[in-house]
Amino acid sequence: MAHFPVNHPARPLYRLLSGLIGLYILAFGVWGVFETWGDGLFSRADTYALGLRTNLAFSLVSVVFGAVLIVGASHRDNLGHYMNLTAGAVFLVTGILMMSVLQTSANFLNFSMSTVIVSLLFGLILLATGLYDKVGPPEHAEEERRRRYHPLAGGNR
């Protein structure tokens, strides 16, 4: 069974990365809301915000999602761990699904290929940060270290 590292030394860096991604998504969403205000919710217009194509629905979802990621990155408990794992999976699934409907009328979030690539990249980074930012008491971290470096010691066979 795989185990998540507990109290990884680079945990502050991973939280910073997820916070920066959340900040970019929030800024993208706010900029997109201002750019697309007055258009239809699921407009397919050629509107860009911070280099990515958007519509009002995608911008509003980005504002909420960016704020949630910033809240998760600011918490020092396992809330950020679970939020990053979930957000990483959501970004990856969304990127793949929107890529499959890119040139159809089902592209309701007005994605372009660059938006798909950014979504997949953010998903991978958030998934990686979620894997390494688990927090626990020092005893759990020591037990995880002992299990990782001495797998046969202590009856773990």
N, C-alpha and C. Protein backbone atom coordinates (compact mmCIF):
# COMPACT_ATOMS: atom_id res chain seq x y z
N MET A 1 0.84 -1.18 0.00
CA MET A 1 0.00 0.00 0.00
C MET A 1 0.89 1.25 0.00
N ALA A 2 0.58 2.19 -0.83
CA ALA A 2 1.35 3.44 -0.90
C ALA A 2 0.99 4.33 0.29
N HIS A 3 1.97 5.11 0.71
CA HIS A 3 1.76 6.01 1.83
C HIS A 3 2.16 7.42 1.42
N PHE A 4 1.38 8.38 1.88
CA PHE A 4 1.73 9.77 1.64
C PHE A 4 2.82 10.18 2.63
N PRO A 5 3.84 10.90 2.19
CA PRO A 5 4.84 11.39 3.14
C PRO A 5 4.19 12.36 4.14
N VAL A 6 4.56 12.23 5.40
CA VAL A 6 4.01 13.09 6.44
C VAL A 6 5.08 14.10 6.83
N ASN A 7 4.71 15.36 6.92
CA ASN A 7 5.61 16.46 7.31
C ASN A 7 6.84 16.53 6.40
N HIS A 8 6.61 16.49 5.11
CA HIS A 8 7.71 16.55 4.14
C HIS A 8 8.44 17.88 4.31
N PRO A 9 9.78 17.89 4.22
CA PRO A 9 10.53 19.14 4.43
C PRO A 9 10.20 20.23 3.41
N ALA A 10 9.78 19.87 2.22
CA ALA A 10 9.47 20.87 1.20
C ALA A 10 7.99 21.27 1.21
N ARG A 11 7.27 20.92 2.28
CA ARG A 11 5.84 21.24 2.37
C ARG A 11 5.54 22.73 2.21
N PRO A 12 6.33 23.66 2.78
CA PRO A 12 6.03 25.08 2.56
C PRO A 12 6.14 25.49 1.09
N LEU A 13 7.07 24.89 0.37
CA LEU A 13 7.20 25.19 -1.05
C LEU A 13 5.97 24.70 -1.82
N TYR A 14 5.49 23.53 -1.48
CA TYR A 14 4.30 23.00 -2.16
C TYR A 14 3.06 23.83 -1.85
N ARG A 15 2.94 24.27 -0.61
CA ARG A 15 1.81 25.14 -0.26
C ARG A 15 1.91 26.47 -1.01
N LEU A 16 3.12 26.98 -1.17
CA LEU A 16 3.33 28.22 -1.92
C LEU A 16 2.92 28.03 -3.38
N LEU A 17 3.32 26.91 -3.97
CA LEU A 17 2.95 26.63 -5.36
C LEU A 17 1.43 26.56 -5.53
N SER A 18 0.75 25.87 -4.64
CA SER A 18 -0.70 25.79 -4.77
C SER A 18 -1.35 27.15 -4.51
N GLY A 19 -0.78 27.94 -3.62
CA GLY A 19 -1.30 29.29 -3.39
C GLY A 19 -1.11 30.19 -4.60
N LEU A 20 0.05 30.08 -5.27
CA LEU A 20 0.29 30.87 -6.48
C LEU A 20 -0.65 30.46 -7.61
N ILE A 21 -0.90 29.17 -7.74
CA ILE A 21 -1.86 28.72 -8.75
C ILE A 21 -3.25 29.25 -8.41
N GLY A 22 -3.62 29.20 -7.15
CA GLY A 22 -4.91 29.74 -6.74
C GLY A 22 -5.01 31.24 -7.00
N LEU A 23 -3.92 31.95 -6.76
CA LEU A 23 -3.89 33.40 -7.01
C LEU A 23 -4.04 33.69 -8.51
N TYR A 24 -3.35 32.92 -9.35
CA TYR A 24 -3.49 33.11 -10.80
C TYR A 24 -4.92 32.82 -11.25
N ILE A 25 -5.49 31.74 -10.74
CA ILE A 25 -6.86 31.39 -11.14
C ILE A 25 -7.84 32.45 -10.68
N LEU A 26 -7.65 32.98 -9.48
CA LEU A 26 -8.52 34.05 -8.99
C LEU A 26 -8.37 35.30 -9.84
N ALA A 27 -7.14 35.69 -10.16
CA ALA A 27 -6.92 36.88 -11.00
C ALA A 27 -7.49 36.66 -12.39
N PHE A 28 -7.30 35.46 -12.95
CA PHE A 28 -7.88 35.13 -14.25
C PHE A 28 -9.40 35.24 -14.21
N GLY A 29 -10.01 34.71 -13.15
CA GLY A 29 -11.46 34.76 -13.04
C GLY A 29 -11.99 36.17 -12.92
N VAL A 30 -11.35 36.99 -12.09
CA VAL A 30 -11.81 38.38 -11.92
C VAL A 30 -11.64 39.15 -13.23
N TRP A 31 -10.49 38.99 -13.87
CA TRP A 31 -10.25 39.65 -15.16
C TRP A 31 -11.28 39.18 -16.19
N GLY A 32 -11.53 37.88 -16.20
CA GLY A 32 -12.51 37.31 -17.14
C GLY A 32 -13.92 37.81 -16.90
N VAL A 33 -14.29 37.99 -15.64
CA VAL A 33 -15.63 38.51 -15.35
C VAL A 33 -15.76 39.92 -15.91
N PHE A 34 -14.73 40.74 -15.73
CA PHE A 34 -14.79 42.10 -16.27
C PHE A 34 -14.81 42.09 -17.80
N GLU A 35 -14.06 41.19 -18.42
CA GLU A 35 -14.01 41.13 -19.88
C GLU A 35 -15.31 40.60 -20.49
N THR A 36 -15.97 39.67 -19.80
CA THR A 36 -17.14 39.01 -20.39
C THR A 36 -18.46 39.50 -19.83
N TRP A 37 -18.41 40.49 -18.94
CA TRP A 37 -19.67 40.98 -18.36
C TRP A 37 -20.54 41.54 -19.47
N GLY A 38 -21.77 41.12 -19.54
CA GLY A 38 -22.69 41.56 -20.59
C GLY A 38 -22.84 40.53 -21.69
N ASP A 39 -21.88 39.62 -21.84
CA ASP A 39 -22.02 38.51 -22.78
C ASP A 39 -22.93 37.46 -22.15
N GLY A 40 -23.31 36.50 -22.93
CA GLY A 40 -24.09 35.39 -22.39
C GLY A 40 -23.24 34.56 -21.44
N LEU A 41 -23.90 33.82 -20.57
CA LEU A 41 -23.18 33.02 -19.58
C LEU A 41 -22.27 32.00 -20.25
N PHE A 42 -22.74 31.34 -21.29
CA PHE A 42 -21.96 30.33 -21.99
C PHE A 42 -21.60 30.80 -23.39
N SER A 43 -21.23 32.04 -23.52
CA SER A 43 -20.89 32.64 -24.81
C SER A 43 -19.68 31.94 -25.42
N ARG A 44 -19.65 31.87 -26.74
CA ARG A 44 -18.52 31.27 -27.46
C ARG A 44 -17.72 32.36 -28.17
N ALA A 45 -17.78 33.60 -27.65
CA ALA A 45 -17.05 34.71 -28.26
C ALA A 45 -15.54 34.51 -28.08
N ASP A 46 -14.79 35.26 -28.86
CA ASP A 46 -13.33 35.16 -28.83
C ASP A 46 -12.78 36.11 -27.76
N THR A 47 -13.06 35.82 -26.48
CA THR A 47 -12.66 36.67 -25.37
C THR A 47 -11.54 36.01 -24.58
N TYR A 48 -10.48 36.77 -24.32
CA TYR A 48 -9.32 36.24 -23.60
C TYR A 48 -9.10 37.03 -22.32
N ALA A 49 -8.62 36.32 -21.29
CA ALA A 49 -8.22 36.95 -20.03
C ALA A 49 -6.92 36.28 -19.59
N LEU A 50 -5.88 37.08 -19.39
CA LEU A 50 -4.56 36.59 -18.99
C LEU A 50 -4.06 35.46 -19.90
N GLY A 51 -4.33 35.59 -21.18
CA GLY A 51 -3.81 34.65 -22.17
C GLY A 51 -4.66 33.42 -22.42
N LEU A 52 -5.76 33.26 -21.70
CA LEU A 52 -6.62 32.09 -21.87
C LEU A 52 -8.01 32.51 -22.31
N ARG A 53 -8.61 31.71 -23.20
CA ARG A 53 -9.96 32.02 -23.67
C ARG A 53 -10.96 31.70 -22.57
N THR A 54 -11.98 32.52 -22.46
CA THR A 54 -12.94 32.36 -21.37
C THR A 54 -14.32 32.84 -21.78
N ASN A 55 -15.29 32.54 -20.95
CA ASN A 55 -16.62 33.13 -21.01
C ASN A 55 -17.05 33.42 -19.57
N LEU A 56 -18.22 33.97 -19.40
CA LEU A 56 -18.65 34.40 -18.07
C LEU A 56 -18.76 33.22 -17.10
N ALA A 57 -19.28 32.09 -17.56
CA ALA A 57 -19.43 30.93 -16.68
C ALA A 57 -18.07 30.44 -16.19
N PHE A 58 -17.12 30.31 -17.12
CA PHE A 58 -15.78 29.84 -16.76
C PHE A 58 -15.09 30.83 -15.83
N SER A 59 -15.30 32.11 -16.05
CA SER A 59 -14.70 33.13 -15.19
C SER A 59 -15.26 33.09 -13.78
N LEU A 60 -16.58 32.92 -13.66
CA LEU A 60 -17.19 32.85 -12.33
C LEU A 60 -16.74 31.60 -11.58
N VAL A 61 -16.66 30.48 -12.27
CA VAL A 61 -16.17 29.26 -11.63
C VAL A 61 -14.71 29.44 -11.21
N SER A 62 -13.92 30.14 -12.01
CA SER A 62 -12.51 30.37 -11.69
C SER A 62 -12.35 31.24 -10.46
N VAL A 63 -13.21 32.23 -10.29
CA VAL A 63 -13.15 33.08 -9.09
C VAL A 63 -13.38 32.22 -7.85
N VAL A 64 -14.39 31.39 -7.88
CA VAL A 64 -14.70 30.55 -6.72
C VAL A 64 -13.57 29.54 -6.48
N PHE A 65 -13.12 28.89 -7.55
CA PHE A 65 -12.08 27.87 -7.42
C PHE A 65 -10.77 28.47 -6.96
N GLY A 66 -10.40 29.64 -7.46
CA GLY A 66 -9.17 30.30 -7.02
C GLY A 66 -9.23 30.66 -5.55
N ALA A 67 -10.36 31.16 -5.10
CA ALA A 67 -10.50 31.51 -3.68
C ALA A 67 -10.41 30.27 -2.80
N VAL A 68 -11.00 29.17 -3.24
CA VAL A 68 -10.94 27.92 -2.48
C VAL A 68 -9.50 27.42 -2.40
N LEU A 69 -8.75 27.50 -3.49
CA LEU A 69 -7.35 27.06 -3.47
C LEU A 69 -6.50 27.93 -2.55
N ILE A 70 -6.76 29.22 -2.54
CA ILE A 70 -6.00 30.12 -1.64
C ILE A 70 -6.32 29.80 -0.19
N VAL A 71 -7.57 29.54 0.11
CA VAL A 71 -7.94 29.15 1.49
C VAL A 71 -7.26 27.85 1.87
N GLY A 72 -7.26 26.88 0.97
CA GLY A 72 -6.61 25.60 1.26
C GLY A 72 -5.11 25.74 1.45
N ALA A 73 -4.47 26.60 0.67
CA ALA A 73 -3.02 26.80 0.79
C ALA A 73 -2.66 27.54 2.07
N SER A 74 -3.58 28.34 2.59
CA SER A 74 -3.28 29.12 3.79
C SER A 74 -3.46 28.32 5.08
N HIS A 75 -4.18 27.20 5.02
CA HIS A 75 -4.37 26.37 6.21
C HIS A 75 -3.14 25.49 6.43
N ARG A 76 -2.77 25.32 7.68
CA ARG A 76 -1.60 24.52 8.00
C ARG A 76 -1.98 23.10 8.41
N ASP A 77 -3.22 22.71 8.20
CA ASP A 77 -3.62 21.36 8.53
C ASP A 77 -3.83 20.56 7.25
N ASN A 78 -4.46 19.42 7.34
CA ASN A 78 -4.63 18.55 6.18
C ASN A 78 -5.75 18.98 5.24
N LEU A 79 -6.43 20.08 5.55
CA LEU A 79 -7.44 20.58 4.64
C LEU A 79 -6.83 20.92 3.28
N GLY A 80 -5.69 21.57 3.28
CA GLY A 80 -5.00 21.90 2.04
C GLY A 80 -4.56 20.66 1.29
N HIS A 81 -4.15 19.64 2.01
CA HIS A 81 -3.73 18.36 1.41
C HIS A 81 -4.88 17.76 0.60
N TYR A 82 -6.05 17.66 1.23
CA TYR A 82 -7.20 17.07 0.54
C TYR A 82 -7.73 17.98 -0.56
N MET A 83 -7.67 19.29 -0.35
CA MET A 83 -8.14 20.22 -1.38
C MET A 83 -7.23 20.16 -2.60
N ASN A 84 -5.93 20.05 -2.41
CA ASN A 84 -5.02 19.98 -3.54
C ASN A 84 -5.18 18.67 -4.31
N LEU A 85 -5.36 17.57 -3.60
CA LEU A 85 -5.60 16.31 -4.29
C LEU A 85 -6.88 16.37 -5.12
N THR A 86 -7.93 16.92 -4.52
CA THR A 86 -9.21 17.02 -5.23
C THR A 86 -9.11 18.00 -6.39
N ALA A 87 -8.50 19.15 -6.17
CA ALA A 87 -8.37 20.15 -7.23
C ALA A 87 -7.52 19.62 -8.38
N GLY A 88 -6.46 18.90 -8.07
CA GLY A 88 -5.63 18.32 -9.12
C GLY A 88 -6.42 17.37 -9.99
N ALA A 89 -7.22 16.51 -9.36
CA ALA A 89 -8.04 15.58 -10.13
C ALA A 89 -9.10 16.33 -10.95
N VAL A 90 -9.70 17.35 -10.37
CA VAL A 90 -10.72 18.12 -11.09
C VAL A 90 -10.11 18.81 -12.31
N PHE A 91 -8.95 19.41 -12.15
CA PHE A 91 -8.29 20.09 -13.27
C PHE A 91 -7.93 19.10 -14.37
N LEU A 92 -7.40 17.93 -14.00
CA LEU A 92 -7.03 16.94 -15.01
C LEU A 92 -8.26 16.43 -15.76
N VAL A 93 -9.31 16.08 -15.04
CA VAL A 93 -10.52 15.57 -15.68
C VAL A 93 -11.17 16.65 -16.55
N THR A 94 -11.23 17.87 -16.04
CA THR A 94 -11.81 18.97 -16.82
C THR A 94 -11.01 19.22 -18.09
N GLY A 95 -9.69 19.23 -17.97
CA GLY A 95 -8.85 19.45 -19.14
C GLY A 95 -9.06 18.39 -20.21
N ILE A 96 -9.13 17.13 -19.79
CA ILE A 96 -9.33 16.04 -20.75
C ILE A 96 -10.72 16.09 -21.36
N LEU A 97 -11.74 16.31 -20.54
CA LEU A 97 -13.11 16.39 -21.07
C LEU A 97 -13.29 17.57 -22.02
N MET A 98 -12.75 18.72 -21.66
CA MET A 98 -12.91 19.89 -22.52
C MET A 98 -12.09 19.74 -23.80
N MET A 99 -10.98 19.01 -23.75
CA MET A 99 -10.22 18.77 -24.96
C MET A 99 -11.01 17.87 -25.91
N SER A 100 -11.79 16.96 -25.36
CA SER A 100 -12.56 16.06 -26.21
C SER A 100 -13.72 16.76 -26.92
N VAL A 101 -14.16 17.91 -26.40
CA VAL A 101 -15.28 18.63 -27.03
C VAL A 101 -14.84 19.99 -27.56
N LEU A 102 -13.55 20.14 -27.80
CA LEU A 102 -12.97 21.44 -28.13
C LEU A 102 -13.62 22.09 -29.35
N GLN A 103 -13.81 21.38 -30.42
CA GLN A 103 -14.33 21.94 -31.67
C GLN A 103 -15.81 21.67 -31.87
N THR A 104 -16.55 21.45 -30.79
CA THR A 104 -17.98 21.17 -30.89
C THR A 104 -18.78 22.23 -30.14
N SER A 105 -20.07 22.13 -30.26
CA SER A 105 -20.94 23.07 -29.53
C SER A 105 -21.03 22.71 -28.05
N ALA A 106 -20.50 21.57 -27.66
CA ALA A 106 -20.50 21.18 -26.25
C ALA A 106 -19.38 21.87 -25.46
N ASN A 107 -18.59 22.70 -26.10
CA ASN A 107 -17.51 23.44 -25.43
C ASN A 107 -18.13 24.62 -24.69
N PHE A 108 -18.88 24.33 -23.64
CA PHE A 108 -19.65 25.36 -22.94
C PHE A 108 -18.79 26.27 -22.09
N LEU A 109 -17.55 25.88 -21.78
CA LEU A 109 -16.66 26.76 -21.02
C LEU A 109 -15.74 27.57 -21.91
N ASN A 110 -15.90 27.44 -23.22
CA ASN A 110 -15.16 28.22 -24.21
C ASN A 110 -13.64 27.98 -24.11
N PHE A 111 -13.25 26.72 -23.91
CA PHE A 111 -11.83 26.37 -23.82
C PHE A 111 -11.17 26.47 -25.19
N SER A 112 -9.89 26.77 -25.17
CA SER A 112 -9.03 26.64 -26.35
C SER A 112 -7.96 25.62 -25.99
N MET A 113 -7.11 25.27 -26.94
CA MET A 113 -6.07 24.28 -26.63
C MET A 113 -5.10 24.80 -25.58
N SER A 114 -4.83 26.10 -25.58
CA SER A 114 -3.95 26.65 -24.55
C SER A 114 -4.60 26.54 -23.17
N THR A 115 -5.90 26.70 -23.08
CA THR A 115 -6.60 26.56 -21.81
C THR A 115 -6.54 25.11 -21.34
N VAL A 116 -6.66 24.17 -22.27
CA VAL A 116 -6.55 22.75 -21.92
C VAL A 116 -5.16 22.45 -21.37
N ILE A 117 -4.13 22.95 -22.03
CA ILE A 117 -2.76 22.69 -21.58
C ILE A 117 -2.52 23.28 -20.19
N VAL A 118 -2.99 24.49 -19.96
CA VAL A 118 -2.83 25.11 -18.64
C VAL A 118 -3.61 24.32 -17.59
N SER A 119 -4.79 23.86 -17.93
CA SER A 119 -5.59 23.07 -17.00
C SER A 119 -4.88 21.77 -16.64
N LEU A 120 -4.32 21.09 -17.62
CA LEU A 120 -3.59 19.84 -17.35
C LEU A 120 -2.33 20.11 -16.53
N LEU A 121 -1.63 21.17 -16.84
CA LEU A 121 -0.42 21.52 -16.09
C LEU A 121 -0.75 21.86 -14.64
N PHE A 122 -1.77 22.69 -14.43
CA PHE A 122 -2.19 23.02 -13.07
C PHE A 122 -2.66 21.76 -12.33
N GLY A 123 -3.35 20.88 -13.02
CA GLY A 123 -3.80 19.63 -12.40
C GLY A 123 -2.64 18.78 -11.92
N LEU A 124 -1.61 18.67 -12.75
CA LEU A 124 -0.44 17.87 -12.35
C LEU A 124 0.29 18.51 -11.18
N ILE A 125 0.45 19.82 -11.21
CA ILE A 125 1.14 20.50 -10.11
C ILE A 125 0.34 20.39 -8.81
N LEU A 126 -0.97 20.59 -8.89
CA LEU A 126 -1.79 20.50 -7.68
C LEU A 126 -1.84 19.08 -7.15
N LEU A 127 -1.85 18.10 -8.03
CA LEU A 127 -1.82 16.71 -7.59
C LEU A 127 -0.49 16.41 -6.88
N ALA A 128 0.61 16.90 -7.43
CA ALA A 128 1.91 16.70 -6.79
C ALA A 128 1.98 17.40 -5.44
N THR A 129 1.46 18.62 -5.36
CA THR A 129 1.48 19.31 -4.06
C THR A 129 0.60 18.60 -3.05
N GLY A 130 -0.51 18.04 -3.52
CA GLY A 130 -1.37 17.28 -2.62
C GLY A 130 -0.72 16.01 -2.11
N LEU A 131 0.16 15.43 -2.90
CA LEU A 131 0.83 14.21 -2.46
C LEU A 131 1.87 14.47 -1.39
N TYR A 132 2.43 15.66 -1.33
CA TYR A 132 3.55 15.91 -0.45
C TYR A 132 3.28 16.91 0.67
N ASP A 133 2.06 17.36 0.86
CA ASP A 133 1.84 18.37 1.90
C ASP A 133 0.98 17.86 3.05
N LYS A 134 1.01 16.56 3.29
CA LYS A 134 0.26 16.00 4.41
C LYS A 134 0.94 16.35 5.72
N VAL A 135 0.14 16.73 6.71
CA VAL A 135 0.63 17.16 8.01
C VAL A 135 0.23 16.11 9.03
N GLY A 136 1.12 15.86 9.96
CA GLY A 136 0.81 14.92 11.03
C GLY A 136 1.75 15.15 12.20
N PRO A 137 1.48 14.46 13.32
CA PRO A 137 2.36 14.60 14.48
C PRO A 137 3.72 13.98 14.17
N PRO A 138 4.74 14.39 14.90
CA PRO A 138 6.09 13.86 14.64
C PRO A 138 6.18 12.33 14.72
N GLU A 139 5.34 11.71 15.55
CA GLU A 139 5.35 10.25 15.67
C GLU A 139 4.95 9.60 14.36
N HIS A 140 3.93 10.16 13.69
CA HIS A 140 3.49 9.61 12.40
C HIS A 140 4.57 9.80 11.33
N ALA A 141 5.23 10.94 11.37
CA ALA A 141 6.29 11.20 10.40
C ALA A 141 7.44 10.22 10.61
N GLU A 142 7.78 9.96 11.87
CA GLU A 142 8.87 9.01 12.16
C GLU A 142 8.48 7.60 11.75
N GLU A 143 7.25 7.21 12.01
CA GLU A 143 6.77 5.88 11.60
C GLU A 143 6.80 5.74 10.08
N GLU A 144 6.40 6.78 9.36
CA GLU A 144 6.44 6.76 7.90
C GLU A 144 7.89 6.67 7.41
N ARG A 145 8.79 7.41 8.03
CA ARG A 145 10.21 7.36 7.65
C ARG A 145 10.78 5.96 7.91
N ARG A 146 10.45 5.38 9.05
CA ARG A 146 10.94 4.05 9.39
C ARG A 146 10.40 3.01 8.40
N ARG A 147 9.13 3.10 8.06
CA ARG A 147 8.52 2.17 7.11
C ARG A 147 9.13 2.32 5.72
N ARG A 148 9.46 3.55 5.34
CA ARG A 148 10.00 3.81 4.01
C ARG A 148 11.44 3.30 3.87
N TYR A 149 12.26 3.51 4.89
CA TYR A 149 13.68 3.18 4.78
C TYR A 149 14.03 1.80 5.33
N HIS A 150 13.18 1.23 6.14
CA HIS A 150 13.41 -0.11 6.70
C HIS A 150 12.11 -0.92 6.58
N PRO A 151 11.73 -1.31 5.35
CA PRO A 151 10.42 -1.94 5.15
C PRO A 151 10.28 -3.31 5.82
N LEU A 152 11.37 -4.03 6.04
CA LEU A 152 11.26 -5.36 6.63
C LEU A 152 11.40 -5.35 8.14
N ALA A 153 11.85 -4.26 8.70
CA ALA A 153 12.00 -4.17 10.15
C ALA A 153 10.65 -3.96 10.81
N GLY A 154 10.47 -4.52 11.96
CA GLY A 154 9.24 -4.29 12.71
C GLY A 154 8.08 -5.14 12.25
N GLY A 155 8.30 -6.21 11.50
CA GLY A 155 7.22 -7.11 11.13
C GLY A 155 6.39 -6.65 9.95
N ASN A 156 6.77 -5.62 9.23
CA ASN A 156 6.02 -5.20 8.04
C ASN A 156 6.46 -6.04 6.84
N ARG A 157 5.84 -7.17 6.62
CA ARG A 157 6.23 -8.04 5.51
C ARG A 157 5.10 -8.22 4.56
